Protein backbone atom coordinates (compact mmCIF):
# COMPACT_ATOMS: atom_id res chain seq x y z
CA MET A 1 56.06 5.40 221.01
CA LYS A 2 58.83 8.27 222.33
CA LEU A 3 62.01 7.76 220.91
CA PHE A 4 64.56 6.52 223.95
CA GLY A 5 65.95 9.78 224.79
CA VAL A 6 69.60 9.12 224.61
CA TYR A 7 71.18 12.23 222.42
CA SER A 8 71.64 15.72 222.95
CA CYS A 9 70.88 17.18 219.27
CA TYR A 10 70.49 20.51 217.88
CA ASP A 11 67.09 21.77 217.04
CA ILE A 12 67.77 21.56 213.59
CA ASN A 13 65.86 19.17 210.99
CA LEU A 14 68.30 18.73 208.15
CA VAL A 15 66.48 17.85 204.62
CA ASN A 16 68.58 18.36 202.24
CA GLY A 17 72.28 18.33 201.10
CA LYS A 18 74.70 18.61 197.97
CA GLY A 19 78.17 18.65 198.77
CA MET A 20 79.33 21.30 201.48
CA LYS A 21 76.02 22.80 201.16
CA LEU A 22 72.68 21.75 203.85
CA SER A 23 69.40 23.51 204.30
CA ASP A 24 66.98 22.71 206.99
CA ASP A 25 63.14 22.29 207.03
CA LYS A 26 62.99 26.14 207.67
CA GLY A 27 65.29 26.98 204.52
CA ASN A 28 68.53 27.55 206.43
CA GLN A 29 71.89 27.32 205.14
CA TYR A 30 74.49 25.21 206.35
CA LEU A 31 78.64 24.36 205.46
CA ASP A 32 79.42 21.16 206.99
CA PHE A 33 82.93 20.79 208.27
CA TYR A 34 81.67 17.98 210.34
CA GLY A 35 80.17 15.98 208.14
CA GLY A 36 78.00 13.81 210.80
CA HIS A 37 81.29 12.51 212.51
CA GLY A 38 83.36 12.41 209.86
CA VAL A 39 81.46 10.33 207.55
CA ILE A 40 80.32 12.45 204.60
CA SER A 41 84.12 12.20 202.78
CA ILE A 42 83.03 12.29 199.39
CA GLY A 43 80.16 15.25 200.10
CA HIS A 44 76.39 15.01 200.30
CA SER A 45 74.30 13.73 197.51
CA HIS A 46 77.33 13.50 195.27
CA PRO A 47 75.90 12.29 191.50
CA HIS A 48 77.97 9.58 191.05
CA TYR A 49 77.25 7.64 194.70
CA MET A 50 73.78 8.81 193.41
CA PHE A 51 74.14 6.79 190.37
CA ARG A 52 75.61 3.62 191.97
CA ILE A 53 72.62 3.35 194.34
CA GLU A 54 70.08 3.96 192.22
CA SER A 55 71.55 1.63 189.51
CA GLN A 56 72.18 -1.06 192.05
CA LEU A 57 68.65 -0.59 193.51
CA HIS A 58 67.16 -0.91 190.40
CA CYS A 59 68.88 -4.56 190.44
CA LEU A 60 69.16 -5.57 193.54
CA GLY A 61 68.55 -3.79 196.71
CA PHE A 62 69.74 -7.01 199.51
CA TYR A 63 70.26 -10.78 199.45
CA SER A 64 71.80 -12.04 202.49
CA ASN A 65 75.54 -13.60 202.20
CA ALA A 66 73.97 -17.06 202.24
CA VAL A 67 74.82 -16.64 198.20
CA LYS A 68 77.65 -14.98 196.40
CA ASN A 69 77.82 -11.57 195.89
CA ASP A 70 80.33 -10.62 193.15
CA LEU A 71 80.13 -7.10 194.44
CA GLN A 72 81.94 -8.02 197.86
CA GLU A 73 84.33 -9.69 195.55
CA LYS A 74 85.31 -6.04 193.45
CA LEU A 75 85.34 -3.79 196.05
CA ALA A 76 87.57 -6.47 198.35
CA CYS A 77 89.94 -6.05 194.98
CA LYS A 78 89.44 -1.83 194.98
CA LEU A 79 89.95 -1.40 198.42
CA GLY A 80 93.07 -3.51 198.08
CA LYS A 81 94.05 -1.91 195.13
CA VAL A 82 93.41 1.87 196.65
CA SER A 83 94.66 1.15 199.98
CA GLY A 84 98.03 -0.49 199.36
CA TYR A 85 96.94 -3.52 201.31
CA ASP A 86 95.92 -5.83 198.12
CA ASP A 87 97.24 -9.24 200.25
CA TYR A 88 94.78 -8.65 203.05
CA ASN A 89 91.41 -10.35 202.81
CA LEU A 90 88.39 -8.42 203.95
CA PHE A 91 85.35 -9.47 206.03
CA LEU A 92 82.51 -6.70 205.43
CA CYS A 93 79.96 -5.58 208.21
CA ASN A 94 77.89 -2.98 209.21
CA SER A 95 79.56 -0.06 211.96
CA GLY A 96 83.38 0.76 213.18
CA ALA A 97 82.43 -0.96 216.76
CA GLU A 98 80.99 -3.86 214.66
CA ALA A 99 84.38 -4.29 212.76
CA ASN A 100 86.32 -3.69 215.71
CA GLU A 101 84.33 -6.72 217.88
CA ASN A 102 85.29 -8.97 214.97
CA ALA A 103 88.85 -7.63 214.82
CA LEU A 104 88.92 -8.55 218.51
CA LYS A 105 87.77 -11.60 217.83
CA VAL A 106 89.84 -12.76 214.74
CA ALA A 107 92.81 -11.94 217.26
CA SER A 108 92.04 -14.70 219.72
CA PHE A 109 90.31 -17.17 217.46
CA HIS A 110 93.91 -16.74 216.03
CA ASN A 111 95.93 -17.20 218.83
CA GLU A 112 93.96 -18.27 221.68
CA LYS A 113 94.45 -15.71 223.99
CA THR A 114 92.37 -13.13 226.04
CA LYS A 115 94.00 -10.10 226.71
CA VAL A 116 93.61 -6.69 225.41
CA ILE A 117 95.70 -3.74 225.43
CA ALA A 118 94.18 -0.63 224.71
CA VAL A 119 95.45 3.40 224.49
CA LYS A 120 94.06 6.02 227.74
CA GLY A 121 91.38 7.48 225.44
CA ALA A 122 90.15 5.89 223.01
CA PHE A 123 87.11 5.55 221.80
CA HIS A 124 86.63 2.19 219.49
CA GLY A 125 82.44 1.95 219.44
CA ARG A 126 79.34 1.65 221.94
CA THR A 127 79.15 -2.67 221.83
CA GLY A 128 80.11 -4.76 224.22
CA GLY A 129 83.54 -5.50 223.50
CA ALA A 130 84.53 -2.35 222.04
CA LEU A 131 83.24 -0.49 225.16
CA SER A 132 85.76 -2.82 227.31
CA ILE A 133 88.88 -1.09 225.74
CA THR A 134 87.03 2.60 225.21
CA ASP A 135 88.60 4.31 228.25
CA ASN A 136 85.34 6.13 229.63
CA PRO A 137 83.61 4.82 232.56
CA LYS A 138 80.50 7.18 232.32
CA LEU A 139 79.78 4.98 229.21
CA SER A 140 80.54 1.27 230.51
CA SER A 141 77.96 -0.79 232.13
CA PRO A 142 79.14 -3.46 234.82
CA PHE A 143 78.81 -6.42 231.30
CA ASN A 144 81.50 -3.92 229.34
CA ALA A 145 83.91 -3.84 232.66
CA GLU A 146 84.50 -7.62 232.99
CA HIS A 147 86.53 -8.09 230.14
CA ASN A 148 90.68 -8.76 230.28
CA VAL A 149 91.81 -4.96 229.87
CA ALA A 150 95.26 -2.97 229.87
CA PHE A 151 95.04 0.33 229.03
CA VAL A 152 98.45 2.24 228.89
CA GLU A 153 98.77 6.31 227.68
CA MET A 154 99.72 7.23 223.70
CA ASN A 155 103.05 6.83 223.04
CA ASP A 156 104.28 5.68 226.04
CA THR A 157 106.42 3.12 224.74
CA LYS A 158 108.00 1.59 227.76
CA THR A 159 104.69 0.70 229.37
CA MET A 160 103.15 -0.31 226.19
CA LEU A 161 106.24 -3.18 226.79
CA SER A 162 105.65 -4.14 229.32
CA GLU A 163 102.51 -5.01 229.77
CA LEU A 164 103.02 -7.10 226.39
CA LYS A 165 105.84 -9.06 228.26
CA LYS A 166 103.06 -10.33 231.12
CA GLY A 167 101.59 -12.58 228.09
CA ASP A 168 98.60 -14.20 227.47
CA VAL A 169 97.91 -10.64 225.45
CA SER A 170 95.40 -11.62 222.59
CA ALA A 171 95.75 -8.26 221.05
CA VAL A 172 96.66 -4.30 221.09
CA ILE A 173 94.98 -1.86 219.56
CA ILE A 174 95.56 1.93 218.83
CA GLU A 175 93.68 4.46 216.72
CA GLY A 176 95.34 5.94 213.15
CA ILE A 177 94.42 8.91 215.10
CA GLN A 178 92.18 9.74 217.95
CA GLY A 179 89.11 11.28 217.26
CA VAL A 180 86.68 11.79 220.37
CA ASN A 181 90.16 12.31 222.82
CA GLY A 182 91.29 15.57 221.13
CA VAL A 183 93.26 14.51 217.58
CA PHE A 184 96.13 13.03 219.27
CA GLU A 185 98.65 10.76 217.19
CA PRO A 186 100.49 7.48 217.81
CA SER A 187 104.42 8.50 216.84
CA ASN A 188 106.12 6.20 214.85
CA GLU A 189 108.65 5.02 217.15
CA PHE A 190 105.20 3.92 219.25
CA LEU A 191 103.64 1.97 216.26
CA LYS A 192 106.90 0.73 215.22
CA SER A 193 108.06 -0.91 219.09
CA THR A 194 104.48 -1.91 219.90
CA LYS A 195 104.20 -3.66 216.28
CA SER A 196 107.85 -5.39 217.02
CA ALA A 197 106.69 -6.43 220.75
CA CYS A 198 103.83 -7.69 219.28
CA GLU A 199 105.59 -10.04 216.97
CA GLU A 200 107.87 -11.39 219.54
CA CYS A 201 105.05 -12.28 221.99
CA GLY A 202 102.06 -13.62 219.22
CA ALA A 203 100.16 -10.74 219.70
CA LEU A 204 97.96 -9.21 216.87
CA LEU A 205 98.62 -4.97 216.58
CA ILE A 206 95.25 -3.86 215.51
CA LEU A 207 94.70 -0.11 213.64
CA ASP A 208 91.80 1.48 214.21
CA GLU A 209 90.69 3.29 211.18
CA ILE A 210 87.33 4.21 211.92
CA GLN A 211 87.21 7.83 211.66
CA SER A 212 91.00 8.03 210.14
CA GLY A 213 91.02 6.25 207.22
CA PHE A 214 89.54 6.20 204.05
CA GLY A 215 92.13 9.50 203.25
CA ARG A 216 90.78 11.17 206.20
CA SER A 217 94.15 11.47 207.05
CA GLY A 218 95.50 12.31 203.62
CA LYS A 219 96.73 9.03 203.27
CA PHE A 220 94.55 6.15 202.67
CA PHE A 221 94.89 5.09 206.77
CA ALA A 222 96.44 6.95 209.09
CA HIS A 223 98.84 4.46 209.67
CA GLN A 224 100.59 4.56 206.34
CA TYR A 225 103.01 7.91 207.46
CA SER A 226 104.38 4.76 209.51
CA ASP A 227 106.58 2.04 207.78
CA VAL A 228 103.82 -0.09 210.10
CA LYS A 229 101.82 -2.95 208.86
CA PRO A 230 99.20 -3.80 211.44
CA ASP A 231 97.74 -7.31 211.41
CA ILE A 232 94.55 -6.29 211.59
CA ILE A 233 92.61 -3.15 210.16
CA THR A 234 88.89 -2.02 210.76
CA THR A 235 87.31 1.20 208.84
CA ALA A 236 83.61 2.35 209.21
CA LYS A 237 82.80 5.86 208.64
CA GLY A 238 84.08 7.83 205.63
CA MET A 239 83.49 4.03 203.86
CA GLY A 240 80.25 4.31 202.41
CA ASN A 241 79.61 8.39 202.76
CA GLY A 242 77.05 7.39 204.74
CA PHE A 243 75.66 4.24 203.59
CA PRO A 244 75.93 1.77 206.86
CA ILE A 245 78.98 -0.35 205.78
CA ALA A 246 82.07 -0.79 207.65
CA GLY A 247 85.74 -3.36 207.34
CA VAL A 248 88.12 -5.72 208.86
CA LEU A 249 91.35 -6.07 206.90
CA ILE A 250 92.76 -8.88 207.77
CA ALA A 251 96.74 -10.42 207.09
CA PRO A 252 96.87 -13.44 204.18
CA GLU A 253 98.78 -15.45 207.20
CA ILE A 254 95.44 -15.56 209.25
CA LYS A 255 93.39 -17.87 207.92
CA ALA A 256 89.37 -18.10 208.18
CA TRP A 257 87.40 -21.66 208.86
CA LYS A 258 83.36 -21.53 207.82
CA GLY A 259 81.17 -19.52 210.37
CA MET A 260 84.44 -17.79 212.12
CA LEU A 261 82.55 -14.35 211.60
CA GLY A 262 79.04 -13.56 210.13
CA THR A 263 76.54 -11.16 209.80
CA THR A 264 72.91 -10.54 208.14
CA PHE A 265 73.52 -6.87 206.41
CA GLY A 266 77.08 -6.27 206.38
CA GLY A 267 78.59 -6.40 203.16
CA ASN A 268 75.03 -6.46 201.21
CA HIS A 269 74.69 -4.92 197.58
CA LEU A 270 73.35 -1.68 197.99
CA ALA A 271 76.25 -1.40 201.15
CA CYS A 272 79.24 -2.16 198.29
CA ALA A 273 77.71 0.05 195.57
CA ALA A 274 77.69 2.92 198.01
CA ALA A 275 81.86 1.74 199.05
CA MET A 276 82.19 1.40 195.57
CA ALA A 277 81.36 4.83 194.40
CA VAL A 278 83.27 6.77 197.46
CA LEU A 279 86.87 4.68 196.45
CA GLU A 280 86.29 5.56 192.76
CA THR A 281 85.59 9.44 193.51
CA ILE A 282 88.20 9.02 195.74
CA GLU A 283 90.23 8.13 193.04
CA GLU A 284 89.16 10.02 189.93
CA GLU A 285 89.02 13.32 192.07
CA HIS A 286 92.12 13.23 193.91
CA LEU A 287 90.64 13.68 197.34
CA LEU A 288 93.77 11.51 198.85
CA GLU A 289 95.95 15.01 197.71
CA ASN A 290 93.28 17.20 198.30
CA ALA A 291 93.31 16.49 201.81
CA ILE A 292 96.56 16.86 202.37
CA GLU A 293 96.37 20.81 200.43
CA ILE A 294 93.49 21.99 201.74
CA GLY A 295 93.82 20.30 205.20
CA SER A 296 97.76 22.58 205.31
CA TYR A 297 96.26 25.08 204.23
CA LEU A 298 94.02 25.66 207.21
CA ILE A 299 96.09 24.11 210.17
CA ASP A 300 98.79 27.20 208.19
CA GLN A 301 95.96 29.47 208.28
CA LEU A 302 94.94 29.50 211.97
CA LYS A 303 97.93 28.20 213.38
CA ASP A 304 99.13 32.01 214.06
CA ASN A 305 95.89 32.94 216.06
CA LYS A 306 96.90 34.40 219.36
CA ALA A 307 93.33 32.50 220.67
CA ILE A 308 94.49 29.36 219.47
CA LYS A 309 96.43 27.14 222.49
CA ALA A 310 97.25 24.29 220.17
CA ILE A 311 96.64 23.06 216.33
CA ARG A 312 96.21 19.16 215.65
CA GLY A 313 96.00 16.80 212.51
CA LYS A 314 96.54 15.58 209.05
CA GLY A 315 95.03 15.86 206.22
CA LEU A 316 90.98 17.21 206.90
CA MET A 317 91.11 15.99 210.28
CA ILE A 318 92.11 18.40 212.82
CA GLY A 319 91.73 19.29 216.27
CA ILE A 320 91.92 23.23 217.28
CA ASP A 321 92.46 23.93 221.62
CA ILE A 322 90.89 26.63 222.42
CA ASP A 323 89.04 28.33 225.43
CA ASN A 324 85.20 28.35 226.42
CA MET A 325 84.86 25.73 222.89
CA SER A 326 81.26 25.36 223.39
CA GLU A 327 80.42 28.40 223.04
CA VAL A 328 82.72 29.28 219.66
CA ARG A 329 80.48 26.19 218.44
CA THR A 330 77.13 27.33 219.06
CA LYS A 331 78.12 31.42 217.30
CA LEU A 332 79.77 29.70 214.40
CA LEU A 333 76.35 27.12 214.13
CA LYS A 334 73.62 29.77 214.92
CA GLU A 335 76.12 32.99 213.58
CA ASP A 336 77.61 31.31 210.21
CA GLY A 337 75.88 28.12 209.76
CA MET A 338 78.46 26.19 210.37
CA PHE A 339 78.55 22.53 211.98
CA THR A 340 81.93 21.19 213.56
CA GLY A 341 82.53 18.94 216.30
CA SER A 342 83.93 18.77 219.79
CA SER A 343 87.26 16.23 220.42
CA GLY A 344 88.13 16.26 224.16
CA GLN A 345 87.14 19.23 226.71
CA ASN A 346 88.44 21.94 225.28
CA THR A 347 89.04 20.99 221.67
CA LEU A 348 86.86 21.85 217.98
CA ARG A 349 87.15 19.04 215.81
CA LEU A 350 86.85 20.06 211.96
CA LEU A 351 86.42 16.66 209.65
CA PRO A 352 85.02 18.31 206.97
CA PRO A 353 84.37 16.08 203.36
CA LEU A 354 87.57 15.20 201.73
CA SER A 355 85.99 17.60 198.58
CA ILE A 356 85.97 20.83 200.22
CA THR A 357 87.32 24.12 198.41
CA LYS A 358 89.58 26.25 199.24
CA GLU A 359 87.18 28.79 199.04
CA GLU A 360 84.78 26.99 201.73
CA ALA A 361 87.84 26.58 203.89
CA ASN A 362 88.29 29.97 203.99
CA GLN A 363 84.68 30.61 204.44
CA PHE A 364 85.49 28.62 207.79
CA ILE A 365 88.78 30.64 208.59
CA GLU A 366 87.35 33.82 207.80
CA ALA A 367 83.79 33.19 210.41
CA PHE A 368 85.82 31.13 213.26
CA ASN A 369 88.79 33.94 213.24
CA SER A 370 85.41 36.37 213.28
CA VAL A 371 83.81 34.77 216.30
CA LEU A 372 87.37 34.24 218.36
CA ALA A 373 87.48 38.06 218.02
CA ALA A 374 83.51 38.93 219.02
CA SER A 375 83.92 36.69 221.82
CA CYS A 376 86.74 38.19 223.63
CA ILE A 377 89.11 35.53 223.16
CA ALA A 378 91.65 36.46 221.02
């Protein structure tokens, strides 16, 4: 049997990681400024993370949700405290796409409506419902296109309110910061106006914080830079530092009933141990503060480079608009051993672990400026 060839990937076989550092099977060393799509939140092979998972594995690795799991309750309590949403309820699942599917389902169960409003340029996952609210026709099969979805431009408040007034809107879903589309943010006014209009028409506001959550922006959730409290929040990538886990945070007025949602693997013992380790490390190592400090430092040190057309982001979710972005990424990897990401057509995306040091940031700044100069882009 061969693998189903859906991925375009570098011919690099990584075998080891510690903090920001990676190595492959040939002994080559790398620095990780991308964290596997923003998944690595506290660094590779963090000692407390490994201790938590290993200790749990020696006790019980898995049992289904047919039995009580105290770790889930401890995780919910800890997540509520650290995120500031201690009055919300938590449903645990396995991936960002699954979190968004369940969020949409909860909204529709709650208000018995069918229509969803999403933002153009969005990426919410690759399962059926998640793809229907993802504005990329190339990814959608005819099955996905059958859902009742309207798309509006980011920060187009007038069109958003107009769509809401048409009625039968179950939910509006907005990313805390758009990752795949170029690191663009919803404005405070857009979020506030949308939330107010949702309340008037009985729709729910869902904030997709799958990439921008768990401290990535310097706040626990990116939308917390505004005063808006969504009805539902989805989170995943940085939640388990590489162990598959996701969550749906649900406002207290939305009531559950037995069998409303379900999952076999979601919230299993090892996954909860991983997420607890991440939360504990974020607190103990002050990683929210570090994300703000190092993210601001990176932007400040890069912003005056004339080759940069624009630089956006909050915390350690940064987009840098440049010409020949793909060429720059390749050179950073092959010549300087630095993993970076892409976002949109010409945006270089940085999603390093929240534990990144100023020294590591300086290594990127030096390499990035050097590559731009050598490529005759500057």
